[in-house]
Amino acid sequence: NKKEIDEIVAFLKAGPLDPNV
């Protein structure tokens, strides 16, 4: 759902910027 997507996006932004990592 939307909340889970927002949490995942926040996690990815806090982590490596390389999407392959």
Foldseek 3Di string as FASTA:
>chain_A
DVVVVVVVVVVCVVDDVPPVD
